Amino acid sequence: MDFNYRDSLLRRLRTVHSLYFDACATMNIEQVNAVVHENTLPIAFSLVHQVLIEDGAVMWAGGPLPQFNDEWSQKIGLEIPDHGQKKTVDEMMHQRIENYEAFLEFQSLVFRATEDFVATIDESTWGDIIVPAPYGFQVASTFSARVGGDRGISRSDALECWVYQHALRHMGEIEHARALVGLGGMTS
């Protein structure tokens, strides 16, 4: 069987990115920032969290430096200029996007940078271990640590877990949250 891993990963990344583009194109700023129930994060959290994690994760896999900075935070008008990974739900309940068009522009830049990076990775380096086992406390309980197991987290594991799987996970949240604000799902 002839299998091209790069082609497969790129198709999957482009597909999940297209779900984000479609979701964003069919929501307005009020829906994105809506808090429909106490302790139910707004869609803004999932959107911002996903894109900021992807923006930073690609660098750890050997890609470009993150694009997010104070200028982008101000341009987007983020209530909380942080991906929220180490913050509480109570804190992130306040995440809002003020300038949706600027957010969409930033999201497009990040997605393009990820896809461009994956398109240029030297195929002989997919298996390179970028986070060796045993893992430190911060990594040991993560999905990527489970995937990497005793051998460590490879470049392909990192991209699969930190970008692709992470994007799918948060798209599921967004699909659920869309239903709470009166919108439909993204795929059948």
N, C-alpha and C. Protein backbone atom coordinates (compact mmCIF):
# COMPACT_ATOMS: atom_id res chain seq x y z
N MET A 1 0.84 -1.18 0.00
CA MET A 1 0.00 0.00 0.00
C MET A 1 0.89 1.24 0.00
N ASP A 2 0.60 2.15 -0.89
CA ASP A 2 1.34 3.40 -0.97
C ASP A 2 0.55 4.46 -0.19
N PHE A 3 1.14 4.95 0.90
CA PHE A 3 0.46 5.92 1.75
C PHE A 3 1.35 7.13 1.94
N ASN A 4 0.80 8.30 1.70
CA ASN A 4 1.54 9.54 1.88
C ASN A 4 1.01 10.22 3.14
N TYR A 5 1.79 10.10 4.22
CA TYR A 5 1.37 10.65 5.51
C TYR A 5 1.16 12.17 5.44
N ARG A 6 2.10 12.88 4.80
CA ARG A 6 1.98 14.34 4.72
C ARG A 6 0.66 14.73 4.05
N ASP A 7 0.34 14.06 2.94
CA ASP A 7 -0.89 14.36 2.23
C ASP A 7 -2.11 14.10 3.12
N SER A 8 -2.09 13.01 3.86
CA SER A 8 -3.19 12.68 4.76
C SER A 8 -3.35 13.73 5.85
N LEU A 9 -2.24 14.09 6.49
CA LEU A 9 -2.31 15.08 7.57
C LEU A 9 -2.75 16.44 7.03
N LEU A 10 -2.21 16.84 5.88
CA LEU A 10 -2.62 18.13 5.31
C LEU A 10 -4.10 18.15 4.96
N ARG A 11 -4.62 17.06 4.38
CA ARG A 11 -6.05 17.00 4.06
C ARG A 11 -6.90 17.11 5.32
N ARG A 12 -6.47 16.42 6.37
CA ARG A 12 -7.22 16.47 7.62
C ARG A 12 -7.16 17.86 8.26
N LEU A 13 -5.98 18.48 8.24
CA LEU A 13 -5.86 19.83 8.79
C LEU A 13 -6.70 20.82 8.00
N ARG A 14 -6.62 20.74 6.68
CA ARG A 14 -7.42 21.65 5.85
C ARG A 14 -8.91 21.45 6.09
N THR A 15 -9.30 20.20 6.31
CA THR A 15 -10.70 19.92 6.56
C THR A 15 -11.16 20.49 7.89
N VAL A 16 -10.40 20.26 8.96
CA VAL A 16 -10.82 20.81 10.25
C VAL A 16 -10.76 22.33 10.23
N HIS A 17 -9.77 22.89 9.56
CA HIS A 17 -9.72 24.35 9.41
C HIS A 17 -10.95 24.86 8.66
N SER A 18 -11.37 24.13 7.64
CA SER A 18 -12.56 24.55 6.88
C SER A 18 -13.81 24.54 7.76
N LEU A 19 -13.88 23.62 8.72
CA LEU A 19 -15.01 23.61 9.65
C LEU A 19 -15.02 24.88 10.49
N TYR A 20 -13.85 25.32 10.92
CA TYR A 20 -13.77 26.58 11.68
C TYR A 20 -14.17 27.76 10.81
N PHE A 21 -13.69 27.79 9.58
CA PHE A 21 -14.08 28.89 8.68
C PHE A 21 -15.59 28.91 8.47
N ASP A 22 -16.17 27.73 8.22
CA ASP A 22 -17.62 27.65 8.00
C ASP A 22 -18.40 28.03 9.26
N ALA A 23 -17.95 27.54 10.40
CA ALA A 23 -18.64 27.89 11.66
C ALA A 23 -18.59 29.39 11.89
N CYS A 24 -17.42 29.97 11.71
CA CYS A 24 -17.28 31.42 11.94
C CYS A 24 -18.09 32.25 10.96
N ALA A 25 -18.19 31.76 9.72
CA ALA A 25 -18.94 32.50 8.69
C ALA A 25 -20.44 32.48 8.96
N THR A 26 -20.89 31.54 9.78
CA THR A 26 -22.33 31.42 10.02
C THR A 26 -22.71 31.82 11.44
N MET A 27 -21.82 32.53 12.12
CA MET A 27 -22.11 33.06 13.46
C MET A 27 -21.85 34.56 13.45
N ASN A 28 -22.58 35.25 14.31
CA ASN A 28 -22.30 36.67 14.48
C ASN A 28 -21.64 36.89 15.85
N ILE A 29 -21.19 38.08 16.07
CA ILE A 29 -20.43 38.39 17.28
C ILE A 29 -21.26 38.17 18.54
N GLU A 30 -22.56 38.41 18.48
CA GLU A 30 -23.42 38.20 19.65
C GLU A 30 -23.47 36.70 19.99
N GLN A 31 -23.58 35.87 18.97
CA GLN A 31 -23.60 34.42 19.21
C GLN A 31 -22.26 33.93 19.74
N VAL A 32 -21.18 34.45 19.20
CA VAL A 32 -19.84 34.05 19.62
C VAL A 32 -19.58 34.43 21.08
N ASN A 33 -20.06 35.57 21.50
CA ASN A 33 -19.81 36.06 22.86
C ASN A 33 -20.90 35.69 23.86
N ALA A 34 -21.96 35.04 23.41
CA ALA A 34 -23.09 34.73 24.29
C ALA A 34 -22.70 33.76 25.40
N VAL A 35 -23.20 34.04 26.59
CA VAL A 35 -23.09 33.12 27.72
C VAL A 35 -24.52 32.67 27.99
N VAL A 36 -24.81 31.42 27.67
CA VAL A 36 -26.19 30.93 27.74
C VAL A 36 -26.54 30.29 29.07
N HIS A 37 -25.53 29.84 29.80
CA HIS A 37 -25.74 29.24 31.12
C HIS A 37 -24.52 29.53 31.98
N GLU A 38 -24.74 29.62 33.28
CA GLU A 38 -23.62 29.77 34.20
C GLU A 38 -22.68 28.58 34.04
N ASN A 39 -21.39 28.84 34.02
CA ASN A 39 -20.35 27.82 33.86
C ASN A 39 -20.35 27.13 32.50
N THR A 40 -21.00 27.73 31.51
CA THR A 40 -20.93 27.25 30.12
C THR A 40 -20.18 28.32 29.35
N LEU A 41 -18.95 27.99 28.96
CA LEU A 41 -18.08 28.97 28.31
C LEU A 41 -18.67 29.47 27.00
N PRO A 42 -18.44 30.72 26.68
CA PRO A 42 -18.90 31.24 25.39
C PRO A 42 -18.09 30.63 24.23
N ILE A 43 -18.67 30.64 23.06
CA ILE A 43 -17.97 30.16 21.87
C ILE A 43 -16.64 30.90 21.70
N ALA A 44 -16.60 32.16 22.10
CA ALA A 44 -15.37 32.95 22.01
C ALA A 44 -14.21 32.23 22.69
N PHE A 45 -14.47 31.59 23.83
CA PHE A 45 -13.39 30.87 24.51
C PHE A 45 -12.84 29.78 23.60
N SER A 46 -13.71 28.93 23.06
CA SER A 46 -13.24 27.81 22.25
C SER A 46 -12.49 28.29 21.02
N LEU A 47 -12.99 29.33 20.37
CA LEU A 47 -12.33 29.87 19.18
C LEU A 47 -10.94 30.40 19.50
N VAL A 48 -10.86 31.23 20.53
CA VAL A 48 -9.59 31.85 20.89
C VAL A 48 -8.61 30.79 21.42
N HIS A 49 -9.10 29.93 22.29
CA HIS A 49 -8.24 28.89 22.86
C HIS A 49 -7.64 28.03 21.75
N GLN A 50 -8.47 27.56 20.84
CA GLN A 50 -7.99 26.67 19.78
C GLN A 50 -6.93 27.35 18.93
N VAL A 51 -7.20 28.56 18.47
CA VAL A 51 -6.26 29.20 17.54
C VAL A 51 -4.96 29.60 18.24
N LEU A 52 -5.03 30.02 19.50
CA LEU A 52 -3.80 30.39 20.20
C LEU A 52 -2.96 29.16 20.54
N ILE A 53 -3.60 28.05 20.89
CA ILE A 53 -2.84 26.82 21.13
C ILE A 53 -2.18 26.36 19.83
N GLU A 54 -2.92 26.37 18.73
CA GLU A 54 -2.32 25.97 17.45
C GLU A 54 -1.17 26.88 17.08
N ASP A 55 -1.35 28.17 17.26
CA ASP A 55 -0.32 29.15 16.93
C ASP A 55 0.98 28.85 17.68
N GLY A 56 0.88 28.47 18.95
CA GLY A 56 2.07 28.18 19.74
C GLY A 56 2.60 26.77 19.57
N ALA A 57 1.70 25.80 19.39
CA ALA A 57 2.10 24.39 19.32
C ALA A 57 2.96 24.10 18.10
N VAL A 58 2.68 24.74 17.00
CA VAL A 58 3.42 24.48 15.77
C VAL A 58 4.91 24.78 15.96
N MET A 59 5.20 25.81 16.73
CA MET A 59 6.59 26.15 17.00
C MET A 59 7.30 24.99 17.70
N TRP A 60 6.65 24.36 18.68
CA TRP A 60 7.27 23.26 19.42
C TRP A 60 7.50 22.05 18.54
N ALA A 61 6.75 21.96 17.45
CA ALA A 61 6.94 20.86 16.50
C ALA A 61 7.98 21.21 15.44
N GLY A 62 8.61 22.39 15.56
CA GLY A 62 9.66 22.80 14.63
C GLY A 62 9.24 23.83 13.62
N GLY A 63 8.03 24.36 13.77
CA GLY A 63 7.49 25.32 12.81
C GLY A 63 7.80 26.76 13.17
N PRO A 64 7.06 27.68 12.55
CA PRO A 64 7.31 29.11 12.75
C PRO A 64 6.96 29.58 14.15
N LEU A 65 7.54 30.70 14.51
CA LEU A 65 7.23 31.33 15.79
C LEU A 65 5.76 31.73 15.84
N PRO A 66 5.18 31.79 17.04
CA PRO A 66 3.78 32.22 17.15
C PRO A 66 3.60 33.63 16.59
N GLN A 67 2.43 33.87 16.04
CA GLN A 67 2.10 35.18 15.49
C GLN A 67 1.38 36.07 16.50
N PHE A 68 0.80 35.46 17.54
CA PHE A 68 0.04 36.22 18.52
C PHE A 68 0.97 37.09 19.34
N ASN A 69 0.55 38.34 19.53
CA ASN A 69 1.31 39.30 20.33
C ASN A 69 0.33 40.35 20.87
N ASP A 70 0.86 41.33 21.58
CA ASP A 70 -0.01 42.38 22.16
C ASP A 70 -0.78 43.14 21.09
N GLU A 71 -0.14 43.36 19.94
CA GLU A 71 -0.81 44.08 18.86
C GLU A 71 -2.04 43.32 18.37
N TRP A 72 -1.88 42.00 18.15
CA TRP A 72 -3.03 41.20 17.73
C TRP A 72 -4.10 41.17 18.82
N SER A 73 -3.69 41.04 20.06
CA SER A 73 -4.65 41.01 21.16
C SER A 73 -5.50 42.27 21.17
N GLN A 74 -4.85 43.41 21.00
CA GLN A 74 -5.57 44.68 20.99
C GLN A 74 -6.44 44.81 19.74
N LYS A 75 -5.90 44.40 18.60
CA LYS A 75 -6.65 44.48 17.35
C LYS A 75 -7.93 43.64 17.41
N ILE A 76 -7.80 42.42 17.96
CA ILE A 76 -8.96 41.53 18.09
C ILE A 76 -9.88 42.01 19.20
N GLY A 77 -9.32 42.69 20.18
CA GLY A 77 -10.11 43.17 21.31
C GLY A 77 -10.46 42.04 22.27
N LEU A 78 -9.46 41.21 22.59
CA LEU A 78 -9.71 40.10 23.50
C LEU A 78 -9.89 40.61 24.92
N GLU A 79 -10.89 40.12 25.57
CA GLU A 79 -11.09 40.44 26.99
C GLU A 79 -9.95 39.84 27.81
N ILE A 80 -9.53 38.62 27.43
CA ILE A 80 -8.44 37.93 28.12
C ILE A 80 -7.42 37.52 27.05
N PRO A 81 -6.27 38.16 27.00
CA PRO A 81 -5.27 37.86 25.97
C PRO A 81 -4.46 36.61 26.30
N ASP A 82 -5.15 35.48 26.41
CA ASP A 82 -4.52 34.25 26.87
C ASP A 82 -5.33 33.07 26.34
N HIS A 83 -4.67 31.95 26.07
CA HIS A 83 -5.38 30.75 25.60
C HIS A 83 -6.18 30.09 26.71
N GLY A 84 -5.88 30.41 27.97
CA GLY A 84 -6.68 29.94 29.08
C GLY A 84 -6.37 28.55 29.58
N GLN A 85 -5.33 27.94 29.06
CA GLN A 85 -5.02 26.56 29.44
C GLN A 85 -4.76 26.42 30.94
N LYS A 86 -4.20 27.44 31.55
CA LYS A 86 -3.88 27.36 32.98
C LYS A 86 -4.80 28.24 33.82
N LYS A 87 -5.91 28.65 33.23
CA LYS A 87 -6.88 29.48 33.95
C LYS A 87 -8.11 28.66 34.29
N THR A 88 -8.90 29.15 35.20
CA THR A 88 -10.11 28.44 35.61
C THR A 88 -11.27 28.75 34.66
N VAL A 89 -12.29 27.92 34.72
CA VAL A 89 -13.50 28.18 33.95
C VAL A 89 -14.09 29.52 34.37
N ASP A 90 -14.09 29.81 35.66
CA ASP A 90 -14.63 31.09 36.13
C ASP A 90 -13.91 32.27 35.47
N GLU A 91 -12.59 32.16 35.35
CA GLU A 91 -11.82 33.24 34.71
C GLU A 91 -12.16 33.35 33.22
N MET A 92 -12.21 32.20 32.55
CA MET A 92 -12.40 32.20 31.10
C MET A 92 -13.85 32.45 30.68
N MET A 93 -14.77 32.44 31.64
CA MET A 93 -16.15 32.81 31.34
C MET A 93 -16.23 34.23 30.78
N HIS A 94 -15.21 35.02 31.04
CA HIS A 94 -15.19 36.42 30.62
C HIS A 94 -14.52 36.64 29.27
N GLN A 95 -14.09 35.57 28.59
CA GLN A 95 -13.44 35.75 27.29
C GLN A 95 -14.44 36.30 26.29
N ARG A 96 -14.07 37.34 25.60
CA ARG A 96 -14.89 37.94 24.56
C ARG A 96 -13.99 38.39 23.42
N ILE A 97 -14.58 38.43 22.24
CA ILE A 97 -13.92 38.95 21.04
C ILE A 97 -14.66 40.23 20.68
N GLU A 98 -13.95 41.33 20.62
CA GLU A 98 -14.57 42.61 20.28
C GLU A 98 -14.61 42.83 18.77
N ASN A 99 -13.51 42.53 18.07
CA ASN A 99 -13.42 42.75 16.63
C ASN A 99 -13.36 41.40 15.93
N TYR A 100 -14.52 40.90 15.53
CA TYR A 100 -14.63 39.57 14.93
C TYR A 100 -13.87 39.47 13.62
N GLU A 101 -13.90 40.52 12.82
CA GLU A 101 -13.17 40.51 11.54
C GLU A 101 -11.67 40.37 11.77
N ALA A 102 -11.15 41.05 12.77
CA ALA A 102 -9.72 40.92 13.09
C ALA A 102 -9.42 39.50 13.58
N PHE A 103 -10.31 38.93 14.38
CA PHE A 103 -10.11 37.56 14.81
C PHE A 103 -10.05 36.62 13.62
N LEU A 104 -10.97 36.78 12.68
CA LEU A 104 -11.01 35.91 11.49
C LEU A 104 -9.73 36.06 10.67
N GLU A 105 -9.21 37.27 10.59
CA GLU A 105 -7.95 37.51 9.87
C GLU A 105 -6.81 36.76 10.56
N PHE A 106 -6.74 36.87 11.89
CA PHE A 106 -5.69 36.19 12.64
C PHE A 106 -5.82 34.68 12.49
N GLN A 107 -7.03 34.17 12.61
CA GLN A 107 -7.28 32.73 12.47
C GLN A 107 -6.78 32.24 11.11
N SER A 108 -7.07 32.98 10.06
CA SER A 108 -6.61 32.60 8.71
C SER A 108 -5.09 32.56 8.63
N LEU A 109 -4.42 33.53 9.24
CA LEU A 109 -2.95 33.56 9.23
C LEU A 109 -2.37 32.34 9.94
N VAL A 110 -2.94 31.99 11.09
CA VAL A 110 -2.45 30.85 11.85
C VAL A 110 -2.67 29.56 11.08
N PHE A 111 -3.87 29.38 10.54
CA PHE A 111 -4.17 28.15 9.81
C PHE A 111 -3.27 28.01 8.59
N ARG A 112 -3.03 29.10 7.88
CA ARG A 112 -2.16 29.07 6.71
C ARG A 112 -0.73 28.72 7.11
N ALA A 113 -0.25 29.31 8.21
CA ALA A 113 1.12 29.03 8.68
C ALA A 113 1.28 27.56 9.05
N THR A 114 0.27 26.99 9.69
CA THR A 114 0.32 25.57 10.05
C THR A 114 0.38 24.71 8.80
N GLU A 115 -0.51 24.97 7.87
CA GLU A 115 -0.56 24.17 6.64
C GLU A 115 0.71 24.32 5.84
N ASP A 116 1.25 25.53 5.74
CA ASP A 116 2.50 25.75 5.02
C ASP A 116 3.65 25.00 5.68
N PHE A 117 3.70 25.00 7.00
CA PHE A 117 4.75 24.28 7.72
C PHE A 117 4.66 22.78 7.45
N VAL A 118 3.47 22.22 7.61
CA VAL A 118 3.30 20.77 7.40
C VAL A 118 3.68 20.40 5.97
N ALA A 119 3.39 21.26 5.02
CA ALA A 119 3.72 20.99 3.62
C ALA A 119 5.22 20.94 3.36
N THR A 120 6.02 21.47 4.28
CA THR A 120 7.46 21.55 4.04
C THR A 120 8.31 20.70 4.98
N ILE A 121 7.69 19.96 5.87
CA ILE A 121 8.46 19.15 6.83
C ILE A 121 9.25 18.08 6.07
N ASP A 122 10.50 17.93 6.43
CA ASP A 122 11.32 16.86 5.87
C ASP A 122 10.73 15.53 6.34
N GLU A 123 10.32 14.71 5.39
CA GLU A 123 9.63 13.46 5.71
C GLU A 123 10.43 12.55 6.64
N SER A 124 11.73 12.66 6.60
CA SER A 124 12.56 11.79 7.45
C SER A 124 12.49 12.21 8.92
N THR A 125 11.85 13.34 9.23
CA THR A 125 11.81 13.83 10.62
C THR A 125 10.46 13.63 11.30
N TRP A 126 9.49 12.99 10.63
CA TRP A 126 8.18 12.77 11.27
C TRP A 126 8.33 12.04 12.60
N GLY A 127 9.23 11.09 12.67
CA GLY A 127 9.40 10.27 13.88
C GLY A 127 10.36 10.85 14.90
N ASP A 128 10.96 12.00 14.61
CA ASP A 128 11.88 12.61 15.58
C ASP A 128 11.16 12.88 16.89
N ILE A 129 11.77 12.51 18.00
CA ILE A 129 11.18 12.72 19.32
C ILE A 129 11.46 14.17 19.73
N ILE A 130 10.39 14.91 19.96
CA ILE A 130 10.55 16.32 20.34
C ILE A 130 10.27 16.55 21.83
N VAL A 131 9.58 15.59 22.46
CA VAL A 131 9.39 15.62 23.92
C VAL A 131 9.72 14.21 24.42
N PRO A 132 10.91 14.04 24.98
CA PRO A 132 11.32 12.69 25.41
C PRO A 132 10.59 12.24 26.67
N ALA A 133 10.41 10.94 26.78
CA ALA A 133 9.91 10.35 28.01
C ALA A 133 11.12 10.09 28.91
N PRO A 134 10.99 10.06 30.21
CA PRO A 134 9.75 10.28 30.95
C PRO A 134 9.37 11.77 30.93
N TYR A 135 8.07 12.00 31.02
CA TYR A 135 7.53 13.35 30.91
C TYR A 135 7.50 14.06 32.26
N GLY A 136 7.63 15.36 32.20
CA GLY A 136 7.46 16.16 33.40
C GLY A 136 5.99 16.22 33.80
N PHE A 137 5.73 16.78 34.93
CA PHE A 137 4.37 16.85 35.50
C PHE A 137 3.37 17.49 34.54
N GLN A 138 3.76 18.60 33.90
CA GLN A 138 2.84 19.32 33.00
C GLN A 138 2.40 18.47 31.82
N VAL A 139 3.26 17.60 31.33
CA VAL A 139 2.98 16.82 30.13
C VAL A 139 2.41 15.44 30.45
N ALA A 140 2.79 14.87 31.58
CA ALA A 140 2.48 13.47 31.89
C ALA A 140 0.99 13.13 31.81
N SER A 141 0.11 14.06 32.12
CA SER A 141 -1.32 13.76 32.13
C SER A 141 -2.03 14.14 30.83
N THR A 142 -1.27 14.49 29.80
CA THR A 142 -1.88 14.95 28.55
C THR A 142 -2.18 13.81 27.58
N PHE A 143 -3.06 14.10 26.64
CA PHE A 143 -3.39 13.15 25.58
C PHE A 143 -2.14 12.80 24.78
N SER A 144 -1.30 13.81 24.50
CA SER A 144 -0.10 13.55 23.69
C SER A 144 0.87 12.63 24.42
N ALA A 145 0.93 12.70 25.74
CA ALA A 145 1.78 11.78 26.50
C ALA A 145 1.27 10.35 26.38
N ARG A 146 -0.04 10.19 26.37
CA ARG A 146 -0.60 8.85 26.18
C ARG A 146 -0.27 8.32 24.79
N VAL A 147 -0.34 9.19 23.80
CA VAL A 147 -0.01 8.78 22.44
C VAL A 147 1.48 8.44 22.32
N GLY A 148 2.33 9.29 22.85
CA GLY A 148 3.77 9.08 22.76
C GLY A 148 4.25 7.88 23.56
N GLY A 149 3.60 7.64 24.69
CA GLY A 149 3.97 6.51 25.52
C GLY A 149 5.41 6.57 25.98
N ASP A 150 6.00 5.39 26.13
CA ASP A 150 7.36 5.29 26.66
C ASP A 150 8.43 5.78 25.69
N ARG A 151 8.10 5.90 24.42
CA ARG A 151 9.12 6.30 23.44
C ARG A 151 9.28 7.80 23.34
N GLY A 152 8.29 8.59 23.81
CA GLY A 152 8.32 10.04 23.71
C GLY A 152 7.39 10.54 22.63
N ILE A 153 7.16 11.83 22.62
CA ILE A 153 6.25 12.45 21.66
C ILE A 153 7.03 12.85 20.42
N SER A 154 6.66 12.25 19.30
CA SER A 154 7.33 12.55 18.03
C SER A 154 6.74 13.80 17.39
N ARG A 155 7.39 14.26 16.34
CA ARG A 155 6.88 15.41 15.59
C ARG A 155 5.47 15.11 15.06
N SER A 156 5.27 13.93 14.50
CA SER A 156 3.93 13.60 13.98
C SER A 156 2.92 13.48 15.11
N ASP A 157 3.32 12.88 16.25
CA ASP A 157 2.42 12.81 17.41
C ASP A 157 2.00 14.21 17.84
N ALA A 158 2.98 15.11 17.92
CA ALA A 158 2.71 16.48 18.37
C ALA A 158 1.70 17.16 17.45
N LEU A 159 1.91 17.07 16.15
CA LEU A 159 0.99 17.72 15.22
C LEU A 159 -0.39 17.07 15.25
N GLU A 160 -0.42 15.76 15.36
CA GLU A 160 -1.71 15.05 15.44
C GLU A 160 -2.47 15.45 16.70
N CYS A 161 -1.75 15.51 17.83
CA CYS A 161 -2.40 15.78 19.12
C CYS A 161 -2.62 17.26 19.38
N TRP A 162 -1.56 18.05 19.25
CA TRP A 162 -1.62 19.45 19.64
C TRP A 162 -2.35 20.33 18.65
N VAL A 163 -2.43 19.89 17.40
CA VAL A 163 -3.11 20.69 16.39
C VAL A 163 -4.39 20.00 15.92
N TYR A 164 -4.26 18.85 15.29
CA TYR A 164 -5.43 18.20 14.68
C TYR A 164 -6.46 17.73 15.71
N GLN A 165 -6.06 16.88 16.64
CA GLN A 165 -7.01 16.37 17.63
C GLN A 165 -7.56 17.51 18.48
N HIS A 166 -6.71 18.44 18.84
CA HIS A 166 -7.14 19.58 19.66
C HIS A 166 -8.19 20.40 18.93
N ALA A 167 -7.98 20.64 17.64
CA ALA A 167 -8.95 21.39 16.85
C ALA A 167 -10.29 20.65 16.76
N LEU A 168 -10.22 19.33 16.57
CA LEU A 168 -11.46 18.54 16.53
C LEU A 168 -12.21 18.60 17.85
N ARG A 169 -11.47 18.48 18.94
CA ARG A 169 -12.10 18.53 20.26
C ARG A 169 -12.87 19.83 20.46
N HIS A 170 -12.24 20.93 20.13
CA HIS A 170 -12.90 22.21 20.35
C HIS A 170 -13.99 22.49 19.30
N MET A 171 -13.88 21.89 18.12
CA MET A 171 -14.99 22.01 17.16
C MET A 171 -16.23 21.33 17.74
N GLY A 172 -16.04 20.22 18.44
CA GLY A 172 -17.17 19.57 19.09
C GLY A 172 -17.83 20.49 20.11
N GLU A 173 -17.03 21.20 20.88
CA GLU A 173 -17.58 22.18 21.83
C GLU A 173 -18.35 23.27 21.08
N ILE A 174 -17.76 23.74 20.00
CA ILE A 174 -18.40 24.81 19.23
C ILE A 174 -19.71 24.34 18.64
N GLU A 175 -19.74 23.11 18.13
CA GLU A 175 -20.99 22.58 17.58
C GLU A 175 -22.06 22.51 18.66
N HIS A 176 -21.70 22.06 19.84
CA HIS A 176 -22.67 22.00 20.94
C HIS A 176 -23.12 23.41 21.32
N ALA A 177 -22.18 24.32 21.45
CA ALA A 177 -22.50 25.70 21.82
C ALA A 177 -23.35 26.38 20.75
N ARG A 178 -23.13 26.05 19.48
CA ARG A 178 -23.96 26.61 18.40
C ARG A 178 -25.42 26.22 18.61
N ALA A 179 -25.65 24.99 19.03
CA ALA A 179 -27.03 24.55 19.29
C ALA A 179 -27.65 25.39 20.42
N LEU A 180 -26.85 25.74 21.42
CA LEU A 180 -27.36 26.52 22.54
C LEU A 180 -27.74 27.95 22.15
N VAL A 181 -27.15 28.45 21.06
CA VAL A 181 -27.49 29.80 20.58
C VAL A 181 -28.38 29.76 19.34
N GLY A 182 -28.95 28.58 19.05
CA GLY A 182 -29.93 28.45 17.99
C GLY A 182 -29.39 28.15 16.60
N LEU A 183 -28.15 27.67 16.51
CA LEU A 183 -27.55 27.33 15.23
C LEU A 183 -27.38 25.82 15.09
N GLY A 184 -27.18 25.36 13.87
CA GLY A 184 -26.99 23.94 13.61
C GLY A 184 -25.55 23.51 13.70
N GLY A 185 -25.34 22.19 13.56
CA GLY A 185 -24.00 21.60 13.56
C GLY A 185 -23.28 21.88 12.26
N MET A 186 -22.04 21.39 12.18
CA MET A 186 -21.21 21.67 11.03
C MET A 186 -21.16 20.55 9.99
N THR A 187 -21.34 19.29 10.40
CA THR A 187 -21.29 18.17 9.47
C THR A 187 -22.37 17.16 9.84
N SER A 188 -22.63 16.26 8.93
CA SER A 188 -23.61 15.21 9.25
C SER A 188 -22.89 13.91 9.53
